[in-house]
Amino acid sequence: MDFLKASTQWAKDEVFSSAFFILFGMLFILATIGFWQLGKTEAARAFIYPTLVAGSLLLMAGISFTVSNKTRLSNFETEYKANPSSFIKAEIARTEKTMWEYRNIAMKVLPLIVVVAALLIVFIDKPIWRAISMTLIAMLLCMISIDSLALSRMEKYHNELKQAESLHKD
């Protein structure tokens, strides 16, 4: 098994996935411009700031994920060749922590926040709070979608790490 190739491919897939945060961020920013230029009602104008904030957060997340994964990608070969066994162990620890975060935060906490935001839409009659809730739901659904795919890639990569670990026992 070419473990370095598998690690490199995983990191490239993560960089590609991070681009979707940037894409969704830009779409939210475009929505902000649309609400700002075309919004005539109080409800439409209420979306300006929430979509701007959501778009900015998604853009920042996408850019930071892209930079960190590109950095990780550039260091893979050097770290692996220096000490394959310790590299694999460090990656296993990192993937286990990341999978825990995906399972507990992205797949449990974020959906709970979506439910709370949906309830706010029903029970609060102010346009700004409805706009905040709807924007939050849209942003979190984007994040959950991207993170669910990232979790499945991470699980596959983690299994490859476990297989590689058995081949590189000290």
C-alpha atoms as a PDB file:
ATOM      1  CA  MET A   1       0.000   0.000   0.000  1.00  0.00           C
ATOM      2  CA  ASP A   2       1.333   3.408  -0.924  1.00  0.00           C
ATOM      3  CA  PHE A   3       0.439   5.200   2.285  1.00  0.00           C
ATOM      4  CA  LEU A   4       2.028   8.511   1.320  1.00  0.00           C
ATOM      5  CA  LYS A   5      -0.085   8.585  -1.838  1.00  0.00           C
ATOM      6  CA  ALA A   6      -3.258   7.911   0.196  1.00  0.00           C
ATOM      7  CA  SER A   7      -2.383  10.699   2.657  1.00  0.00           C
ATOM      8  CA  THR A   8      -1.640  13.118  -0.138  1.00  0.00           C
ATOM      9  CA  GLN A   9      -4.907  12.282  -1.898  1.00  0.00           C
ATOM     10  CA  TRP A  10      -6.856  12.764   1.329  1.00  0.00           C
ATOM     11  CA  ALA A  11      -5.272  16.203   1.871  1.00  0.00           C
ATOM     12  CA  LYS A  12      -6.011  17.209  -1.738  1.00  0.00           C
ATOM     13  CA  ASP A  13      -9.632  16.131  -1.268  1.00  0.00           C
ATOM     14  CA  GLU A  14      -9.814  18.268   1.888  1.00  0.00           C
ATOM     15  CA  VAL A  15      -8.484  21.292  -0.024  1.00  0.00           C
ATOM     16  CA  PHE A  16     -11.146  20.693  -2.675  1.00  0.00           C
ATOM     17  CA  SER A  17     -13.820  20.353   0.015  1.00  0.00           C
ATOM     18  CA  SER A  18     -12.674  23.620   1.615  1.00  0.00           C
ATOM     19  CA  ALA A  19     -13.398  25.350  -1.668  1.00  0.00           C
ATOM     20  CA  PHE A  20     -17.099  24.695  -1.044  1.00  0.00           C
ATOM     21  CA  PHE A  21     -16.964  26.789   2.118  1.00  0.00           C
ATOM     22  CA  ILE A  22     -15.542  29.577  -0.033  1.00  0.00           C
ATOM     23  CA  LEU A  23     -18.199  29.020  -2.712  1.00  0.00           C
ATOM     24  CA  PHE A  24     -21.065  29.098  -0.200  1.00  0.00           C
ATOM     25  CA  GLY A  25     -19.502  32.152   1.453  1.00  0.00           C
ATOM     26  CA  MET A  26     -19.443  33.979  -1.871  1.00  0.00           C
ATOM     27  CA  LEU A  27     -23.060  32.984  -2.518  1.00  0.00           C
ATOM     28  CA  PHE A  28     -24.075  34.451   0.838  1.00  0.00           C
ATOM     29  CA  ILE A  29     -22.157  37.641   0.002  1.00  0.00           C
ATOM     30  CA  LEU A  30     -23.951  37.806  -3.353  1.00  0.00           C
ATOM     31  CA  ALA A  31     -27.252  37.356  -1.524  1.00  0.00           C
ATOM     32  CA  THR A  32     -26.256  40.247   0.743  1.00  0.00           C
ATOM     33  CA  ILE A  33     -25.677  42.465  -2.274  1.00  0.00           C
ATOM     34  CA  GLY A  34     -29.007  41.378  -3.710  1.00  0.00           C
ATOM     35  CA  PHE A  35     -30.888  42.174  -0.503  1.00  0.00           C
ATOM     36  CA  TRP A  36     -29.063  45.487  -0.214  1.00  0.00           C
ATOM     37  CA  GLN A  37     -29.758  46.567  -3.810  1.00  0.00           C
ATOM     38  CA  LEU A  38     -33.163  44.997  -4.414  1.00  0.00           C
ATOM     39  CA  GLY A  39     -34.695  44.625  -0.967  1.00  0.00           C
ATOM     40  CA  LYS A  40     -37.697  46.931  -0.674  1.00  0.00           C
ATOM     41  CA  THR A  41     -39.518  45.425   2.290  1.00  0.00           C
ATOM     42  CA  GLU A  42     -38.471  45.407   5.920  1.00  0.00           C
ATOM     43  CA  ALA A  43     -38.202  41.609   5.802  1.00  0.00           C
ATOM     44  CA  ALA A  44     -35.884  41.661   2.785  1.00  0.00           C
ATOM     45  CA  ARG A  45     -33.697  44.412   4.263  1.00  0.00           C
ATOM     46  CA  ALA A  46     -33.426  42.414   7.508  1.00  0.00           C
ATOM     47  CA  PHE A  47     -31.343  39.803   5.642  1.00  0.00           C
ATOM     48  CA  ILE A  48     -28.512  42.205   4.762  1.00  0.00           C
ATOM     49  CA  TYR A  49     -26.415  41.849   7.922  1.00  0.00           C
ATOM     50  CA  PRO A  50     -27.101  38.178   8.707  1.00  0.00           C
ATOM     51  CA  THR A  51     -26.129  37.066   5.199  1.00  0.00           C
ATOM     52  CA  LEU A  52     -23.057  39.298   5.278  1.00  0.00           C
ATOM     53  CA  VAL A  53     -21.938  37.760   8.585  1.00  0.00           C
ATOM     54  CA  ALA A  54     -22.673  34.196   7.430  1.00  0.00           C
ATOM     55  CA  GLY A  55     -20.866  34.740   4.130  1.00  0.00           C
ATOM     56  CA  SER A  56     -17.869  36.249   5.879  1.00  0.00           C
ATOM     57  CA  LEU A  57     -17.684  33.351   8.352  1.00  0.00           C
ATOM     58  CA  LEU A  58     -17.901  30.757   5.587  1.00  0.00           C
ATOM     59  CA  LEU A  59     -15.256  32.583   3.543  1.00  0.00           C
ATOM     60  CA  MET A  60     -12.895  32.787   6.519  1.00  0.00           C
ATOM     61  CA  ALA A  61     -13.455  29.116   7.354  1.00  0.00           C
ATOM     62  CA  GLY A  62     -12.861  28.053   3.756  1.00  0.00           C
ATOM     63  CA  ILE A  63      -9.701  30.106   3.415  1.00  0.00           C
ATOM     64  CA  SER A  64      -8.271  28.903   6.730  1.00  0.00           C
ATOM     65  CA  PHE A  65      -9.103  25.253   5.945  1.00  0.00           C
ATOM     66  CA  THR A  66      -7.502  25.596   2.511  1.00  0.00           C
ATOM     67  CA  VAL A  67      -4.328  27.148   3.906  1.00  0.00           C
ATOM     68  CA  SER A  68      -3.987  24.617   6.737  1.00  0.00           C
ATOM     69  CA  ASN A  69      -4.593  21.643   4.453  1.00  0.00           C
ATOM     70  CA  LYS A  70      -2.166  22.930   1.820  1.00  0.00           C
ATOM     71  CA  THR A  71       0.439  23.380   4.563  1.00  0.00           C
ATOM     72  CA  ARG A  72      -0.238  19.869   5.837  1.00  0.00           C
ATOM     73  CA  LEU A  73      -0.014  18.557   2.265  1.00  0.00           C
ATOM     74  CA  SER A  74       3.372  20.162   1.704  1.00  0.00           C
ATOM     75  CA  ASN A  75       4.731  18.653   4.948  1.00  0.00           C
ATOM     76  CA  PHE A  76       3.423  15.115   4.457  1.00  0.00           C
ATOM     77  CA  GLU A  77       6.311  13.737   2.447  1.00  0.00           C
ATOM     78  CA  THR A  78       9.021  15.235   4.664  1.00  0.00           C
ATOM     79  CA  GLU A  79       7.406  14.071   7.907  1.00  0.00           C
ATOM     80  CA  TYR A  80       6.615  10.620   6.539  1.00  0.00           C
ATOM     81  CA  LYS A  81      10.113  10.032   5.196  1.00  0.00           C
ATOM     82  CA  ALA A  82      11.700  11.255   8.449  1.00  0.00           C
ATOM     83  CA  ASN A  83       9.843   8.705  10.588  1.00  0.00           C
ATOM     84  CA  PRO A  84       6.962   6.775   9.016  1.00  0.00           C
ATOM     85  CA  SER A  85       5.865   5.118  12.254  1.00  0.00           C
ATOM     86  CA  SER A  86       5.592   8.326  14.296  1.00  0.00           C
ATOM     87  CA  PHE A  87       3.929  10.112  11.369  1.00  0.00           C
ATOM     88  CA  ILE A  88       1.267   7.409  11.163  1.00  0.00           C
ATOM     89  CA  LYS A  89       0.701   7.469  14.938  1.00  0.00           C
ATOM     90  CA  ALA A  90       0.367  11.257  14.930  1.00  0.00           C
ATOM     91  CA  GLU A  91      -2.080  11.105  12.021  1.00  0.00           C
ATOM     92  CA  ILE A  92      -4.137   8.410  13.766  1.00  0.00           C
ATOM     93  CA  ALA A  93      -4.387  10.582  16.886  1.00  0.00           C
ATOM     94  CA  ARG A  94      -5.336  13.615  14.782  1.00  0.00           C
ATOM     95  CA  THR A  95      -7.959  11.732  12.775  1.00  0.00           C
ATOM     96  CA  GLU A  96      -9.521  10.253  15.924  1.00  0.00           C
ATOM     97  CA  LYS A  97      -9.822  13.721  17.471  1.00  0.00           C
ATOM     98  CA  THR A  98     -11.228  15.186  14.257  1.00  0.00           C
ATOM     99  CA  MET A  99     -13.748  12.358  13.810  1.00  0.00           C
ATOM    100  CA  TRP A 100     -14.918  12.890  17.401  1.00  0.00           C
ATOM    101  CA  GLU A 101     -15.416  16.586  16.655  1.00  0.00           C
ATOM    102  CA  TYR A 102     -17.337  15.852  13.444  1.00  0.00           C
ATOM    103  CA  ARG A 103     -19.575  13.283  15.126  1.00  0.00           C
ATOM    104  CA  ASN A 104     -20.311  15.340  18.219  1.00  0.00           C
ATOM    105  CA  ILE A 105     -20.266  18.916  16.996  1.00  0.00           C
ATOM    106  CA  ALA A 106     -21.108  18.849  13.301  1.00  0.00           C
ATOM    107  CA  MET A 107     -23.564  15.964  13.476  1.00  0.00           C
ATOM    108  CA  LYS A 108     -25.224  16.632  16.859  1.00  0.00           C
ATOM    109  CA  VAL A 109     -24.763  20.225  18.015  1.00  0.00           C
ATOM    110  CA  LEU A 110     -25.242  21.955  14.658  1.00  0.00           C
ATOM    111  CA  PRO A 111     -28.547  20.140  13.927  1.00  0.00           C
ATOM    112  CA  LEU A 112     -29.736  21.082  17.408  1.00  0.00           C
ATOM    113  CA  ILE A 113     -28.966  24.737  16.648  1.00  0.00           C
ATOM    114  CA  VAL A 114     -30.940  24.369  13.393  1.00  0.00           C
ATOM    115  CA  VAL A 115     -33.952  23.161  15.396  1.00  0.00           C
ATOM    116  CA  VAL A 116     -33.675  26.093  17.827  1.00  0.00           C
ATOM    117  CA  ALA A 117     -33.376  28.541  14.927  1.00  0.00           C
ATOM    118  CA  ALA A 118     -36.450  26.992  13.274  1.00  0.00           C
ATOM    119  CA  LEU A 119     -38.393  27.451  16.502  1.00  0.00           C
ATOM    120  CA  LEU A 120     -37.330  31.108  16.619  1.00  0.00           C
ATOM    121  CA  ILE A 121     -38.844  31.603  13.157  1.00  0.00           C
ATOM    122  CA  VAL A 122     -42.145  30.244  14.420  1.00  0.00           C
ATOM    123  CA  PHE A 123     -42.298  32.061  17.743  1.00  0.00           C
ATOM    124  CA  ILE A 124     -40.644  35.428  17.088  1.00  0.00           C
ATOM    125  CA  ASP A 125     -42.374  37.902  14.821  1.00  0.00           C
ATOM    126  CA  LYS A 126     -39.537  40.398  14.287  1.00  0.00           C
ATOM    127  CA  PRO A 127     -38.093  40.410  10.730  1.00  0.00           C
ATOM    128  CA  ILE A 128     -34.477  40.686  11.930  1.00  0.00           C
ATOM    129  CA  TRP A 129     -34.766  37.615  14.171  1.00  0.00           C
ATOM    130  CA  ARG A 130     -36.448  35.641  11.419  1.00  0.00           C
ATOM    131  CA  ALA A 131     -33.722  36.692   8.977  1.00  0.00           C
ATOM    132  CA  ILE A 132     -31.012  35.721  11.461  1.00  0.00           C
ATOM    133  CA  SER A 133     -32.674  32.352  12.067  1.00  0.00           C
ATOM    134  CA  MET A 134     -33.174  31.581   8.368  1.00  0.00           C
ATOM    135  CA  THR A 135     -29.624  32.609   7.507  1.00  0.00           C
ATOM    136  CA  LEU A 136     -28.251  30.564  10.383  1.00  0.00           C
ATOM    137  CA  ILE A 137     -30.197  27.526   9.210  1.00  0.00           C
ATOM    138  CA  ALA A 138     -28.919  27.941   5.645  1.00  0.00           C
ATOM    139  CA  MET A 139     -25.319  28.403   6.802  1.00  0.00           C
ATOM    140  CA  LEU A 140     -25.429  25.430   9.174  1.00  0.00           C
ATOM    141  CA  LEU A 141     -26.978  23.172   6.537  1.00  0.00           C
ATOM    142  CA  CYS A 142     -24.101  24.083   4.206  1.00  0.00           C
ATOM    143  CA  MET A 143     -21.630  23.262   6.967  1.00  0.00           C
ATOM    144  CA  ILE A 144     -23.337  19.978   7.901  1.00  0.00           C
ATOM    145  CA  SER A 145     -23.374  18.893   4.246  1.00  0.00           C
ATOM    146  CA  ILE A 146     -19.685  19.604   3.758  1.00  0.00           C
ATOM    147  CA  ASP A 147     -18.726  18.124   7.129  1.00  0.00           C
ATOM    148  CA  SER A 148     -20.690  14.916   6.592  1.00  0.00           C
ATOM    149  CA  LEU A 149     -18.700  14.276   3.422  1.00  0.00           C
ATOM    150  CA  ALA A 150     -15.481  15.213   5.209  1.00  0.00           C
ATOM    151  CA  LEU A 151     -16.327  12.779   8.017  1.00  0.00           C
ATOM    152  CA  SER A 152     -16.762   9.897   5.595  1.00  0.00           C
ATOM    153  CA  ARG A 153     -13.427  10.759   3.939  1.00  0.00           C
ATOM    154  CA  MET A 154     -11.793  11.014   7.359  1.00  0.00           C
ATOM    155  CA  GLU A 155     -13.129   7.592   8.380  1.00  0.00           C
ATOM    156  CA  LYS A 156     -11.753   6.051   5.183  1.00  0.00           C
ATOM    157  CA  TYR A 157      -8.397   7.749   5.718  1.00  0.00           C
ATOM    158  CA  HIS A 158      -8.368   6.640   9.379  1.00  0.00           C
ATOM    159  CA  ASN A 159      -8.902   3.021   8.305  1.00  0.00           C
ATOM    160  CA  GLU A 160      -6.001   3.342   5.862  1.00  0.00           C
ATOM    161  CA  LEU A 161      -3.870   4.732   8.692  1.00  0.00           C
ATOM    162  CA  LYS A 162      -4.749   1.750  10.882  1.00  0.00           C
ATOM    163  CA  GLN A 163      -3.739  -0.615   8.084  1.00  0.00           C
ATOM    164  CA  ALA A 164      -0.490   1.276   7.563  1.00  0.00           C
ATOM    165  CA  GLU A 165       0.204   1.212  11.293  1.00  0.00           C
ATOM    166  CA  SER A 166       0.067  -2.574  11.310  1.00  0.00           C
ATOM    167  CA  LEU A 167       2.642  -2.606   8.485  1.00  0.00           C
ATOM    168  CA  HIS A 168       4.985  -0.125  10.232  1.00  0.00           C
ATOM    169  CA  LYS A 169       5.215  -1.603  13.694  1.00  0.00           C
ATOM    170  CA  ASP A 170       8.449  -0.650  15.460  1.00  0.00           C
END
